[in-house]
Amino acid sequence: MRKRILGLDPGLAILGFGILEYDPATTRNLNPDLQVVDFGVIETPAGTEVGSRLCTIYDDLNSLIETYKPDSVSIEKLFFYRMGNTILVAQARGVMMLVLAQHSLPFIEFTPAQIKQALTGYGNADKQDVQEAVQRELKLQVIPRPDDAADALAVAVTGWMNLL
């Protein structure tokens, strides 16, 4: 029976998501069957009241989960330099956690360095190296766009690698 992992790259303005499907029986094979189901972003317009933006994240993430029925979720841990932005992203993250709890979905969190290490072998890899690793691991013709969706796929791949 195939399983799905939802990768999430938290944000208030742009929340990236990536959904991968795999067969647990082939996970440890040299050529595992890891497939991209979907990826994209949930966007909330700047200038819109924060409560409305959080409601959009809540509604859209619920729809995503109901549509794709993931078995597990991988999330990038919160890591920011600017305090004001950190608070807004933390609020969006709280909404994400609420939705996951309502769906009884298990999740695991990874730091940016853990994601970079898993995909490139180097915890301080740059964004381009990570995106190229996502393209290579998922056998995609091009690097996924926008960046937030590629980041969410990187989180999902890291979650899948964690199963190995």
N, C-alpha and C. Protein backbone atom coordinates (compact mmCIF):
# COMPACT_ATOMS: atom_id res chain seq x y z
N MET A 1 0.84 -1.18 0.00
CA MET A 1 0.00 0.00 0.00
C MET A 1 0.89 1.25 0.00
N ARG A 2 0.64 2.15 -0.92
CA ARG A 2 1.43 3.37 -1.05
C ARG A 2 1.10 4.35 0.07
N LYS A 3 2.09 5.18 0.42
CA LYS A 3 1.92 6.18 1.47
C LYS A 3 2.30 7.54 0.92
N ARG A 4 1.81 8.57 1.61
CA ARG A 4 2.09 9.95 1.20
C ARG A 4 2.68 10.76 2.34
N ILE A 5 3.63 11.61 1.97
CA ILE A 5 4.24 12.55 2.90
C ILE A 5 3.94 13.96 2.39
N LEU A 6 3.47 14.80 3.30
CA LEU A 6 3.25 16.22 3.00
C LEU A 6 4.40 17.00 3.61
N GLY A 7 5.15 17.73 2.80
CA GLY A 7 6.21 18.62 3.28
C GLY A 7 5.69 20.03 3.32
N LEU A 8 5.99 20.75 4.42
CA LEU A 8 5.52 22.12 4.57
C LEU A 8 6.68 23.06 4.88
N ASP A 9 6.72 24.17 4.17
CA ASP A 9 7.67 25.26 4.40
C ASP A 9 6.85 26.43 4.92
N PRO A 10 6.80 26.63 6.26
CA PRO A 10 5.90 27.61 6.86
C PRO A 10 6.16 29.05 6.44
N GLY A 11 5.08 29.80 6.35
CA GLY A 11 5.16 31.23 6.09
C GLY A 11 3.77 31.82 6.15
N LEU A 12 3.68 33.11 6.45
CA LEU A 12 2.37 33.77 6.46
C LEU A 12 2.01 34.24 5.06
N ALA A 13 2.94 34.88 4.36
CA ALA A 13 2.66 35.37 3.01
C ALA A 13 2.63 34.21 2.01
N ILE A 14 3.59 33.30 2.15
CA ILE A 14 3.68 32.14 1.26
C ILE A 14 4.04 30.91 2.08
N LEU A 15 3.17 29.93 2.04
CA LEU A 15 3.40 28.65 2.71
C LEU A 15 3.58 27.61 1.61
N GLY A 16 4.78 27.04 1.53
CA GLY A 16 5.05 26.05 0.49
C GLY A 16 4.58 24.67 0.91
N PHE A 17 4.11 23.89 -0.07
CA PHE A 17 3.73 22.50 0.20
C PHE A 17 4.24 21.60 -0.92
N GLY A 18 4.55 20.38 -0.55
CA GLY A 18 4.96 19.36 -1.51
C GLY A 18 4.47 18.02 -1.03
N ILE A 19 3.90 17.24 -1.92
CA ILE A 19 3.35 15.93 -1.56
C ILE A 19 4.06 14.86 -2.37
N LEU A 20 4.62 13.89 -1.65
CA LEU A 20 5.31 12.77 -2.27
C LEU A 20 4.59 11.48 -1.94
N GLU A 21 4.67 10.53 -2.86
CA GLU A 21 4.07 9.22 -2.65
C GLU A 21 5.16 8.18 -2.84
N TYR A 22 5.12 7.13 -2.02
CA TYR A 22 6.12 6.07 -2.08
C TYR A 22 5.50 4.75 -1.65
N ASP A 23 6.19 3.69 -2.02
CA ASP A 23 5.81 2.35 -1.60
C ASP A 23 6.76 1.94 -0.48
N PRO A 24 6.26 1.77 0.75
CA PRO A 24 7.14 1.41 1.86
C PRO A 24 7.95 0.13 1.61
N ALA A 25 7.43 -0.76 0.79
CA ALA A 25 8.13 -2.02 0.50
C ALA A 25 9.40 -1.78 -0.32
N THR A 26 9.46 -0.67 -1.07
CA THR A 26 10.63 -0.40 -1.91
C THR A 26 11.50 0.73 -1.38
N THR A 27 11.17 1.25 -0.19
CA THR A 27 11.88 2.40 0.34
C THR A 27 13.38 2.18 0.45
N ARG A 28 13.79 0.99 0.83
CA ARG A 28 15.22 0.72 1.02
C ARG A 28 15.91 0.19 -0.24
N ASN A 29 15.19 0.10 -1.34
CA ASN A 29 15.79 -0.35 -2.60
C ASN A 29 16.78 0.68 -3.11
N LEU A 30 17.70 0.25 -3.96
CA LEU A 30 18.63 1.19 -4.57
C LEU A 30 17.93 2.18 -5.48
N ASN A 31 16.81 1.78 -6.05
CA ASN A 31 16.05 2.65 -6.93
C ASN A 31 14.61 2.75 -6.42
N PRO A 32 14.39 3.45 -5.31
CA PRO A 32 13.05 3.49 -4.72
C PRO A 32 12.04 4.22 -5.61
N ASP A 33 10.79 3.89 -5.42
CA ASP A 33 9.70 4.47 -6.20
C ASP A 33 9.13 5.67 -5.45
N LEU A 34 9.79 6.81 -5.58
CA LEU A 34 9.38 8.05 -4.92
C LEU A 34 8.83 8.99 -5.99
N GLN A 35 7.58 9.38 -5.85
CA GLN A 35 6.92 10.19 -6.89
C GLN A 35 6.33 11.47 -6.32
N VAL A 36 6.41 12.53 -7.12
CA VAL A 36 5.78 13.80 -6.76
C VAL A 36 4.30 13.70 -7.12
N VAL A 37 3.45 13.98 -6.14
CA VAL A 37 2.00 14.00 -6.37
C VAL A 37 1.57 15.42 -6.74
N ASP A 38 2.06 16.40 -5.97
CA ASP A 38 1.70 17.79 -6.22
C ASP A 38 2.65 18.68 -5.41
N PHE A 39 2.75 19.92 -5.81
CA PHE A 39 3.48 20.92 -5.03
C PHE A 39 2.95 22.29 -5.42
N GLY A 40 3.19 23.25 -4.54
CA GLY A 40 2.73 24.61 -4.80
C GLY A 40 2.82 25.45 -3.55
N VAL A 41 2.02 26.50 -3.52
CA VAL A 41 2.04 27.41 -2.38
C VAL A 41 0.63 27.83 -2.01
N ILE A 42 0.48 28.16 -0.74
CA ILE A 42 -0.71 28.83 -0.24
C ILE A 42 -0.27 30.27 -0.02
N GLU A 43 -0.90 31.21 -0.73
CA GLU A 43 -0.51 32.61 -0.63
C GLU A 43 -1.59 33.42 0.06
N THR A 44 -1.13 34.37 0.88
CA THR A 44 -2.05 35.32 1.50
C THR A 44 -1.56 36.72 1.16
N PRO A 45 -2.44 37.58 0.67
CA PRO A 45 -2.01 38.89 0.19
C PRO A 45 -1.53 39.81 1.31
N ALA A 46 -0.41 40.48 1.05
CA ALA A 46 0.08 41.51 1.98
C ALA A 46 -0.97 42.60 2.07
N GLY A 47 -1.06 43.20 3.22
CA GLY A 47 -2.04 44.27 3.41
C GLY A 47 -3.38 43.76 3.90
N THR A 48 -3.59 42.46 3.81
CA THR A 48 -4.82 41.84 4.33
C THR A 48 -4.65 41.65 5.83
N GLU A 49 -5.72 41.79 6.56
CA GLU A 49 -5.70 41.63 8.03
C GLU A 49 -5.16 40.25 8.38
N VAL A 50 -4.32 40.19 9.41
CA VAL A 50 -3.63 38.94 9.77
C VAL A 50 -4.62 37.81 10.03
N GLY A 51 -5.72 38.10 10.72
CA GLY A 51 -6.71 37.05 11.00
C GLY A 51 -7.26 36.43 9.73
N SER A 52 -7.51 37.24 8.72
CA SER A 52 -8.00 36.72 7.43
C SER A 52 -6.94 35.86 6.75
N ARG A 53 -5.70 36.27 6.87
CA ARG A 53 -4.61 35.50 6.27
C ARG A 53 -4.49 34.13 6.94
N LEU A 54 -4.62 34.11 8.27
CA LEU A 54 -4.55 32.85 9.00
C LEU A 54 -5.73 31.95 8.64
N CYS A 55 -6.90 32.55 8.43
CA CYS A 55 -8.08 31.76 8.00
C CYS A 55 -7.85 31.14 6.63
N THR A 56 -7.21 31.87 5.73
CA THR A 56 -6.89 31.34 4.40
C THR A 56 -5.98 30.13 4.53
N ILE A 57 -4.94 30.25 5.36
CA ILE A 57 -4.03 29.12 5.58
C ILE A 57 -4.79 27.94 6.15
N TYR A 58 -5.64 28.20 7.12
CA TYR A 58 -6.44 27.14 7.75
C TYR A 58 -7.30 26.42 6.70
N ASP A 59 -8.05 27.19 5.94
CA ASP A 59 -8.96 26.61 4.94
C ASP A 59 -8.22 25.86 3.84
N ASP A 60 -7.16 26.48 3.30
CA ASP A 60 -6.43 25.87 2.20
C ASP A 60 -5.67 24.62 2.63
N LEU A 61 -5.09 24.64 3.83
CA LEU A 61 -4.37 23.47 4.31
C LEU A 61 -5.34 22.32 4.60
N ASN A 62 -6.50 22.64 5.15
CA ASN A 62 -7.54 21.63 5.34
C ASN A 62 -7.93 20.99 4.01
N SER A 63 -8.13 21.81 2.99
CA SER A 63 -8.49 21.30 1.67
C SER A 63 -7.40 20.41 1.10
N LEU A 64 -6.16 20.83 1.26
CA LEU A 64 -5.03 20.03 0.78
C LEU A 64 -5.02 18.65 1.44
N ILE A 65 -5.20 18.63 2.74
CA ILE A 65 -5.17 17.36 3.48
C ILE A 65 -6.36 16.48 3.09
N GLU A 66 -7.52 17.08 2.94
CA GLU A 66 -8.70 16.31 2.55
C GLU A 66 -8.56 15.76 1.13
N THR A 67 -7.92 16.51 0.25
CA THR A 67 -7.73 16.07 -1.13
C THR A 67 -6.69 14.96 -1.25
N TYR A 68 -5.54 15.14 -0.60
CA TYR A 68 -4.41 14.23 -0.81
C TYR A 68 -4.22 13.18 0.28
N LYS A 69 -4.87 13.35 1.42
CA LYS A 69 -4.84 12.37 2.51
C LYS A 69 -3.42 11.86 2.83
N PRO A 70 -2.53 12.76 3.25
CA PRO A 70 -1.17 12.31 3.59
C PRO A 70 -1.18 11.42 4.83
N ASP A 71 -0.18 10.55 4.91
CA ASP A 71 -0.02 9.67 6.06
C ASP A 71 0.86 10.30 7.13
N SER A 72 1.75 11.19 6.71
CA SER A 72 2.62 11.89 7.64
C SER A 72 2.99 13.25 7.08
N VAL A 73 3.56 14.08 7.94
CA VAL A 73 3.91 15.44 7.56
C VAL A 73 5.32 15.76 8.05
N SER A 74 6.08 16.44 7.21
CA SER A 74 7.40 16.95 7.57
C SER A 74 7.33 18.47 7.49
N ILE A 75 7.89 19.13 8.50
CA ILE A 75 7.82 20.59 8.58
C ILE A 75 9.21 21.16 8.82
N GLU A 76 9.51 22.26 8.13
CA GLU A 76 10.75 22.96 8.43
C GLU A 76 10.56 23.74 9.72
N LYS A 77 11.53 23.59 10.63
CA LYS A 77 11.48 24.32 11.90
C LYS A 77 11.64 25.81 11.67
N LEU A 78 11.03 26.57 12.53
CA LEU A 78 11.07 28.03 12.45
C LEU A 78 12.49 28.53 12.65
N PHE A 79 12.96 29.37 11.73
CA PHE A 79 14.30 29.92 11.82
C PHE A 79 14.33 31.24 11.06
N PHE A 80 14.38 32.36 11.80
CA PHE A 80 14.39 33.67 11.16
C PHE A 80 15.30 34.62 11.89
N TYR A 81 15.73 35.64 11.20
CA TYR A 81 16.59 36.67 11.80
C TYR A 81 15.78 37.87 12.29
N ARG A 82 14.72 38.22 11.60
CA ARG A 82 13.95 39.42 11.95
C ARG A 82 12.81 39.06 12.88
N MET A 83 12.76 39.71 14.03
CA MET A 83 11.77 39.38 15.06
C MET A 83 10.33 39.57 14.57
N GLY A 84 10.03 40.67 13.90
CA GLY A 84 8.66 40.93 13.44
C GLY A 84 8.15 39.84 12.52
N ASN A 85 8.97 39.40 11.60
CA ASN A 85 8.60 38.34 10.67
C ASN A 85 8.44 37.01 11.40
N THR A 86 9.28 36.78 12.40
CA THR A 86 9.23 35.53 13.15
C THR A 86 7.89 35.35 13.84
N ILE A 87 7.36 36.42 14.41
CA ILE A 87 6.07 36.33 15.11
C ILE A 87 4.96 35.97 14.13
N LEU A 88 4.93 36.59 12.97
CA LEU A 88 3.89 36.29 11.98
C LEU A 88 3.99 34.86 11.48
N VAL A 89 5.21 34.40 11.22
CA VAL A 89 5.39 33.03 10.75
C VAL A 89 5.00 32.06 11.87
N ALA A 90 5.32 32.39 13.11
CA ALA A 90 4.94 31.54 14.24
C ALA A 90 3.41 31.43 14.34
N GLN A 91 2.71 32.51 14.06
CA GLN A 91 1.25 32.45 14.08
C GLN A 91 0.73 31.52 12.97
N ALA A 92 1.31 31.62 11.80
CA ALA A 92 0.92 30.73 10.69
C ALA A 92 1.24 29.28 11.05
N ARG A 93 2.37 29.08 11.69
CA ARG A 93 2.77 27.74 12.13
C ARG A 93 1.77 27.17 13.13
N GLY A 94 1.28 28.02 14.01
CA GLY A 94 0.28 27.59 14.98
C GLY A 94 -0.98 27.09 14.29
N VAL A 95 -1.39 27.79 13.26
CA VAL A 95 -2.56 27.36 12.48
C VAL A 95 -2.27 26.01 11.81
N MET A 96 -1.06 25.86 11.26
CA MET A 96 -0.67 24.58 10.64
C MET A 96 -0.77 23.45 11.65
N MET A 97 -0.23 23.68 12.84
CA MET A 97 -0.24 22.64 13.89
C MET A 97 -1.67 22.29 14.29
N LEU A 98 -2.54 23.28 14.35
CA LEU A 98 -3.94 23.04 14.67
C LEU A 98 -4.59 22.14 13.62
N VAL A 99 -4.38 22.47 12.36
CA VAL A 99 -4.96 21.66 11.28
C VAL A 99 -4.45 20.23 11.34
N LEU A 100 -3.15 20.06 11.55
CA LEU A 100 -2.57 18.72 11.62
C LEU A 100 -3.16 17.94 12.80
N ALA A 101 -3.32 18.61 13.94
CA ALA A 101 -3.90 17.95 15.12
C ALA A 101 -5.35 17.55 14.86
N GLN A 102 -6.10 18.41 14.20
CA GLN A 102 -7.50 18.10 13.89
C GLN A 102 -7.62 16.88 12.97
N HIS A 103 -6.61 16.66 12.15
CA HIS A 103 -6.61 15.51 11.24
C HIS A 103 -5.84 14.32 11.82
N SER A 104 -5.37 14.46 13.05
CA SER A 104 -4.58 13.41 13.73
C SER A 104 -3.40 12.96 12.89
N LEU A 105 -2.72 13.93 12.27
CA LEU A 105 -1.58 13.62 11.41
C LEU A 105 -0.27 13.74 12.18
N PRO A 106 0.53 12.67 12.19
CA PRO A 106 1.84 12.76 12.84
C PRO A 106 2.76 13.63 12.00
N PHE A 107 3.64 14.37 12.68
CA PHE A 107 4.60 15.20 11.95
C PHE A 107 5.96 15.13 12.62
N ILE A 108 6.95 15.47 11.82
CA ILE A 108 8.32 15.56 12.30
C ILE A 108 8.88 16.88 11.78
N GLU A 109 9.72 17.50 12.60
CA GLU A 109 10.30 18.78 12.22
C GLU A 109 11.80 18.63 11.95
N PHE A 110 12.27 19.42 10.98
CA PHE A 110 13.68 19.42 10.62
C PHE A 110 14.18 20.85 10.56
N THR A 111 15.39 21.08 11.06
CA THR A 111 15.99 22.40 10.94
C THR A 111 16.45 22.59 9.50
N PRO A 112 16.66 23.84 9.09
CA PRO A 112 17.19 24.06 7.74
C PRO A 112 18.51 23.31 7.52
N ALA A 113 19.39 23.27 8.52
CA ALA A 113 20.66 22.56 8.37
C ALA A 113 20.45 21.06 8.19
N GLN A 114 19.47 20.48 8.88
CA GLN A 114 19.19 19.04 8.71
C GLN A 114 18.69 18.74 7.30
N ILE A 115 17.88 19.63 6.76
CA ILE A 115 17.35 19.45 5.40
C ILE A 115 18.49 19.55 4.38
N LYS A 116 19.33 20.55 4.55
CA LYS A 116 20.48 20.71 3.65
C LYS A 116 21.41 19.51 3.73
N GLN A 117 21.67 19.03 4.93
CA GLN A 117 22.54 17.87 5.14
C GLN A 117 21.95 16.63 4.46
N ALA A 118 20.65 16.42 4.63
CA ALA A 118 19.99 15.24 4.06
C ALA A 118 20.05 15.24 2.54
N LEU A 119 19.87 16.40 1.93
CA LEU A 119 19.80 16.45 0.47
C LEU A 119 21.15 16.63 -0.22
N THR A 120 22.07 17.34 0.43
CA THR A 120 23.34 17.65 -0.25
C THR A 120 24.55 17.04 0.45
N GLY A 121 24.37 16.58 1.69
CA GLY A 121 25.51 16.08 2.45
C GLY A 121 26.28 17.18 3.15
N TYR A 122 25.77 18.43 3.05
CA TYR A 122 26.45 19.58 3.63
C TYR A 122 25.42 20.49 4.29
N GLY A 123 25.53 20.66 5.61
CA GLY A 123 24.54 21.43 6.37
C GLY A 123 24.50 22.92 6.10
N ASN A 124 25.52 23.44 5.39
CA ASN A 124 25.53 24.87 5.05
C ASN A 124 25.40 25.09 3.54
N ALA A 125 24.81 24.12 2.85
CA ALA A 125 24.63 24.24 1.39
C ALA A 125 23.78 25.46 1.06
N ASP A 126 23.98 26.01 -0.13
CA ASP A 126 23.15 27.16 -0.51
C ASP A 126 21.84 26.67 -1.14
N LYS A 127 20.95 27.62 -1.31
CA LYS A 127 19.59 27.32 -1.80
C LYS A 127 19.63 26.62 -3.16
N GLN A 128 20.49 27.06 -4.05
CA GLN A 128 20.59 26.46 -5.39
C GLN A 128 21.00 25.00 -5.32
N ASP A 129 21.95 24.68 -4.45
CA ASP A 129 22.39 23.29 -4.29
C ASP A 129 21.25 22.41 -3.80
N VAL A 130 20.46 22.92 -2.87
CA VAL A 130 19.32 22.16 -2.33
C VAL A 130 18.28 21.95 -3.42
N GLN A 131 17.99 22.99 -4.18
CA GLN A 131 16.98 22.87 -5.23
C GLN A 131 17.43 21.90 -6.32
N GLU A 132 18.70 21.91 -6.66
CA GLU A 132 19.21 20.95 -7.63
C GLU A 132 19.13 19.52 -7.09
N ALA A 133 19.36 19.37 -5.79
CA ALA A 133 19.25 18.04 -5.17
C ALA A 133 17.80 17.55 -5.21
N VAL A 134 16.85 18.45 -4.99
CA VAL A 134 15.43 18.09 -5.07
C VAL A 134 15.11 17.62 -6.49
N GLN A 135 15.56 18.38 -7.47
CA GLN A 135 15.33 18.01 -8.87
C GLN A 135 15.91 16.64 -9.17
N ARG A 136 17.12 16.39 -8.72
CA ARG A 136 17.80 15.12 -8.97
C ARG A 136 17.11 13.96 -8.24
N GLU A 137 16.85 14.12 -6.94
CA GLU A 137 16.24 13.05 -6.14
C GLU A 137 14.86 12.65 -6.66
N LEU A 138 14.12 13.64 -7.14
CA LEU A 138 12.75 13.38 -7.60
C LEU A 138 12.67 13.17 -9.11
N LYS A 139 13.83 13.16 -9.76
CA LYS A 139 13.91 12.91 -11.20
C LYS A 139 13.01 13.86 -12.00
N LEU A 140 13.10 15.15 -11.67
CA LEU A 140 12.29 16.17 -12.33
C LEU A 140 13.08 16.80 -13.48
N GLN A 141 12.37 17.25 -14.50
CA GLN A 141 13.01 17.89 -15.65
C GLN A 141 13.58 19.26 -15.30
N VAL A 142 12.88 19.97 -14.41
CA VAL A 142 13.30 21.32 -14.00
C VAL A 142 13.18 21.45 -12.48
N ILE A 143 13.85 22.46 -11.96
CA ILE A 143 13.73 22.77 -10.53
C ILE A 143 12.32 23.30 -10.29
N PRO A 144 11.62 22.77 -9.29
CA PRO A 144 10.26 23.25 -9.01
C PRO A 144 10.23 24.73 -8.65
N ARG A 145 9.20 25.40 -9.05
CA ARG A 145 9.00 26.82 -8.75
C ARG A 145 7.60 27.01 -8.18
N PRO A 146 7.35 27.97 -7.36
CA PRO A 146 8.30 28.92 -6.80
C PRO A 146 9.22 28.27 -5.77
N ASP A 147 10.19 29.04 -5.29
CA ASP A 147 11.18 28.53 -4.34
C ASP A 147 10.55 27.87 -3.12
N ASP A 148 9.46 28.44 -2.63
CA ASP A 148 8.81 27.91 -1.42
C ASP A 148 8.28 26.50 -1.66
N ALA A 149 7.82 26.21 -2.87
CA ALA A 149 7.35 24.87 -3.20
C ALA A 149 8.53 23.91 -3.29
N ALA A 150 9.65 24.36 -3.88
CA ALA A 150 10.85 23.52 -3.94
C ALA A 150 11.36 23.22 -2.53
N ASP A 151 11.29 24.24 -1.65
CA ASP A 151 11.71 24.05 -0.26
C ASP A 151 10.81 23.02 0.44
N ALA A 152 9.51 23.09 0.18
CA ALA A 152 8.58 22.13 0.79
C ALA A 152 8.85 20.71 0.29
N LEU A 153 9.18 20.57 -0.99
CA LEU A 153 9.55 19.24 -1.50
C LEU A 153 10.84 18.75 -0.83
N ALA A 154 11.78 19.66 -0.57
CA ALA A 154 13.01 19.28 0.13
C ALA A 154 12.68 18.77 1.54
N VAL A 155 11.73 19.42 2.19
CA VAL A 155 11.30 18.98 3.53
C VAL A 155 10.66 17.59 3.44
N ALA A 156 9.84 17.37 2.43
CA ALA A 156 9.18 16.07 2.25
C ALA A 156 10.21 14.98 1.96
N VAL A 157 11.19 15.27 1.11
CA VAL A 157 12.24 14.28 0.80
C VAL A 157 13.01 13.95 2.08
N THR A 158 13.30 14.96 2.89
CA THR A 158 14.00 14.73 4.16
C THR A 158 13.18 13.83 5.07
N GLY A 159 11.87 14.05 5.10
CA GLY A 159 10.99 13.19 5.90
C GLY A 159 11.02 11.76 5.39
N TRP A 160 11.01 11.60 4.09
CA TRP A 160 11.07 10.27 3.49
C TRP A 160 12.41 9.60 3.83
N MET A 161 13.51 10.34 3.72
CA MET A 161 14.83 9.80 4.03
C MET A 161 14.91 9.39 5.51
N ASN A 162 14.17 10.07 6.34
CA ASN A 162 14.16 9.77 7.77
C ASN A 162 13.54 8.38 8.03
N LEU A 163 12.76 7.88 7.07
CA LEU A 163 12.13 6.56 7.21
C LEU A 163 13.12 5.44 6.92
N LEU A 164 14.20 5.75 6.23
CA LEU A 164 15.16 4.73 5.80
C LEU A 164 15.88 4.07 6.96
